[in-house]
Amino acid sequence: MIFVCKKHVKKGLKMVFLPHIQPISDENKITGNFHCHACAQWADFKLYNFESHRKQAVKKAM
């Protein structure tokens, strides 16, 4: 999982296999410490690989 600002979304999408994107809520921006992976400014989006989340859910189910 990586975090990116609005300027680096395309770059981030190329870095993640089967990427999924989720905006970071304003509440999380205030309370969290999310910085862009490319430029270290405040992040606006979370990019993650859905496959790894699915594998974790399958493990929990078993």
N, C-alpha and C. Protein backbone atom coordinates (compact mmCIF):
# COMPACT_ATOMS: atom_id res chain seq x y z
N MET A 1 0.85 -1.16 0.00
CA MET A 1 0.00 0.00 0.00
C MET A 1 0.90 1.23 0.00
N ILE A 2 0.54 2.22 -0.84
CA ILE A 2 1.27 3.47 -0.85
C ILE A 2 0.28 4.63 -0.82
N PHE A 3 0.75 5.78 -0.45
CA PHE A 3 -0.06 6.98 -0.42
C PHE A 3 0.52 7.96 -1.42
N VAL A 4 -0.36 8.69 -2.14
CA VAL A 4 0.10 9.64 -3.14
C VAL A 4 -0.74 10.92 -3.09
N CYS A 5 -0.14 12.01 -3.57
CA CYS A 5 -0.86 13.27 -3.70
C CYS A 5 -1.57 13.28 -5.06
N LYS A 6 -2.35 14.32 -5.32
CA LYS A 6 -3.10 14.40 -6.57
C LYS A 6 -2.18 14.40 -7.79
N LYS A 7 -0.99 14.98 -7.66
CA LYS A 7 -0.07 15.08 -8.79
C LYS A 7 0.54 13.73 -9.17
N HIS A 8 0.63 12.80 -8.24
CA HIS A 8 1.37 11.56 -8.48
C HIS A 8 0.49 10.31 -8.53
N VAL A 9 -0.79 10.47 -8.79
CA VAL A 9 -1.69 9.31 -8.87
C VAL A 9 -1.29 8.38 -10.02
N LYS A 10 -1.03 8.94 -11.19
CA LYS A 10 -0.66 8.09 -12.34
C LYS A 10 0.63 7.33 -12.07
N LYS A 11 1.60 7.99 -11.49
CA LYS A 11 2.87 7.33 -11.16
C LYS A 11 2.64 6.20 -10.16
N GLY A 12 1.80 6.47 -9.16
CA GLY A 12 1.50 5.46 -8.15
C GLY A 12 0.78 4.26 -8.72
N LEU A 13 -0.14 4.51 -9.65
CA LEU A 13 -0.88 3.41 -10.27
C LEU A 13 0.04 2.46 -11.01
N LYS A 14 1.12 2.98 -11.56
CA LYS A 14 2.09 2.14 -12.27
C LYS A 14 2.94 1.33 -11.30
N MET A 15 3.00 1.74 -10.04
CA MET A 15 3.85 1.08 -9.06
C MET A 15 3.16 -0.10 -8.36
N VAL A 16 1.83 -0.16 -8.43
CA VAL A 16 1.07 -1.17 -7.70
C VAL A 16 0.46 -2.16 -8.68
N PHE A 17 0.64 -3.44 -8.42
CA PHE A 17 0.05 -4.50 -9.25
C PHE A 17 -1.45 -4.58 -8.95
N LEU A 18 -2.28 -4.57 -9.99
CA LEU A 18 -3.74 -4.56 -9.85
C LEU A 18 -4.18 -3.48 -8.86
N PRO A 19 -3.90 -2.23 -9.15
CA PRO A 19 -4.14 -1.17 -8.17
C PRO A 19 -5.61 -0.86 -7.93
N HIS A 20 -5.90 -0.49 -6.73
CA HIS A 20 -7.18 0.03 -6.31
C HIS A 20 -6.89 1.35 -5.63
N ILE A 21 -7.80 2.29 -5.77
CA ILE A 21 -7.56 3.62 -5.24
C ILE A 21 -8.69 4.00 -4.29
N GLN A 22 -8.32 4.64 -3.20
CA GLN A 22 -9.30 5.08 -2.22
C GLN A 22 -8.89 6.47 -1.72
N PRO A 23 -9.80 7.44 -1.79
CA PRO A 23 -9.44 8.76 -1.27
C PRO A 23 -9.26 8.71 0.24
N ILE A 24 -8.36 9.52 0.74
CA ILE A 24 -8.15 9.63 2.18
C ILE A 24 -9.13 10.67 2.69
N SER A 25 -9.95 10.31 3.67
CA SER A 25 -10.96 11.22 4.18
C SER A 25 -10.30 12.42 4.86
N ASP A 26 -11.03 13.52 4.94
CA ASP A 26 -10.51 14.72 5.59
C ASP A 26 -10.17 14.45 7.05
N GLU A 27 -10.97 13.61 7.70
CA GLU A 27 -10.71 13.26 9.09
C GLU A 27 -9.38 12.53 9.23
N ASN A 28 -9.12 11.58 8.33
CA ASN A 28 -7.86 10.84 8.37
C ASN A 28 -6.68 11.72 8.00
N LYS A 29 -6.90 12.69 7.11
CA LYS A 29 -5.82 13.61 6.76
C LYS A 29 -5.38 14.41 7.99
N ILE A 30 -6.35 14.77 8.83
CA ILE A 30 -6.04 15.56 10.02
C ILE A 30 -5.37 14.71 11.09
N THR A 31 -5.90 13.52 11.32
CA THR A 31 -5.39 12.68 12.41
C THR A 31 -4.22 11.79 12.00
N GLY A 32 -4.13 11.47 10.71
CA GLY A 32 -3.08 10.56 10.24
C GLY A 32 -1.85 11.31 9.78
N ASN A 33 -0.85 10.54 9.42
CA ASN A 33 0.42 11.09 8.96
C ASN A 33 0.72 10.48 7.59
N PHE A 34 -0.10 10.83 6.60
CA PHE A 34 -0.01 10.23 5.28
C PHE A 34 0.72 11.17 4.32
N HIS A 35 1.86 10.74 3.83
CA HIS A 35 2.66 11.53 2.91
C HIS A 35 2.78 10.82 1.57
N CYS A 36 2.86 11.61 0.51
CA CYS A 36 3.00 11.08 -0.84
C CYS A 36 4.30 10.29 -0.96
N HIS A 37 4.20 9.13 -1.56
CA HIS A 37 5.36 8.25 -1.76
C HIS A 37 6.38 8.88 -2.72
N ALA A 38 5.92 9.73 -3.64
CA ALA A 38 6.79 10.31 -4.65
C ALA A 38 7.44 11.63 -4.21
N CYS A 39 6.68 12.49 -3.50
CA CYS A 39 7.21 13.82 -3.21
C CYS A 39 7.19 14.20 -1.74
N ALA A 40 6.65 13.38 -0.89
CA ALA A 40 6.60 13.58 0.57
C ALA A 40 5.66 14.71 1.00
N GLN A 41 4.83 15.23 0.10
CA GLN A 41 3.80 16.19 0.52
C GLN A 41 2.62 15.41 1.07
N TRP A 42 1.62 16.11 1.61
CA TRP A 42 0.46 15.43 2.17
C TRP A 42 -0.24 14.62 1.09
N ALA A 43 -0.62 13.40 1.41
CA ALA A 43 -1.26 12.50 0.44
C ALA A 43 -2.76 12.73 0.39
N ASP A 44 -3.33 12.48 -0.77
CA ASP A 44 -4.78 12.59 -0.98
C ASP A 44 -5.43 11.24 -1.23
N PHE A 45 -4.63 10.26 -1.66
CA PHE A 45 -5.17 8.95 -2.03
C PHE A 45 -4.32 7.81 -1.48
N LYS A 46 -5.01 6.70 -1.20
CA LYS A 46 -4.34 5.47 -0.80
C LYS A 46 -4.45 4.51 -1.98
N LEU A 47 -3.33 3.97 -2.44
CA LEU A 47 -3.31 2.98 -3.50
C LEU A 47 -2.91 1.64 -2.90
N TYR A 48 -3.66 0.60 -3.22
CA TYR A 48 -3.36 -0.70 -2.65
C TYR A 48 -3.65 -1.80 -3.64
N ASN A 49 -3.16 -2.97 -3.35
CA ASN A 49 -3.33 -4.15 -4.18
C ASN A 49 -4.46 -4.97 -3.58
N PHE A 50 -5.56 -5.08 -4.30
CA PHE A 50 -6.73 -5.81 -3.81
C PHE A 50 -6.42 -7.27 -3.54
N GLU A 51 -5.55 -7.85 -4.34
CA GLU A 51 -5.23 -9.29 -4.20
C GLU A 51 -4.71 -9.62 -2.81
N SER A 52 -3.83 -8.79 -2.26
CA SER A 52 -3.29 -9.08 -0.93
C SER A 52 -4.37 -8.98 0.14
N HIS A 53 -5.32 -8.05 -0.02
CA HIS A 53 -6.41 -7.94 0.94
C HIS A 53 -7.32 -9.16 0.86
N ARG A 54 -7.54 -9.67 -0.36
CA ARG A 54 -8.38 -10.84 -0.54
C ARG A 54 -7.72 -12.07 0.09
N LYS A 55 -6.41 -12.21 -0.06
CA LYS A 55 -5.70 -13.33 0.53
C LYS A 55 -5.80 -13.30 2.06
N GLN A 56 -5.71 -12.11 2.64
CA GLN A 56 -5.82 -11.98 4.09
C GLN A 56 -7.23 -12.39 4.55
N ALA A 57 -8.25 -12.01 3.80
CA ALA A 57 -9.62 -12.37 4.16
C ALA A 57 -9.84 -13.87 4.08
N VAL A 58 -9.24 -14.52 3.09
CA VAL A 58 -9.36 -15.97 2.95
C VAL A 58 -8.67 -16.66 4.13
N LYS A 59 -7.51 -16.18 4.53
CA LYS A 59 -6.80 -16.76 5.66
C LYS A 59 -7.64 -16.65 6.93
N LYS A 60 -8.28 -15.50 7.15
CA LYS A 60 -9.11 -15.31 8.34
C LYS A 60 -10.32 -16.24 8.32
N ALA A 61 -10.88 -16.48 7.14
CA ALA A 61 -12.05 -17.34 7.01
C ALA A 61 -11.74 -18.80 7.31
N MET A 62 -10.50 -19.19 7.06
CA MET A 62 -10.11 -20.58 7.29
C MET A 62 -9.77 -20.71 8.72
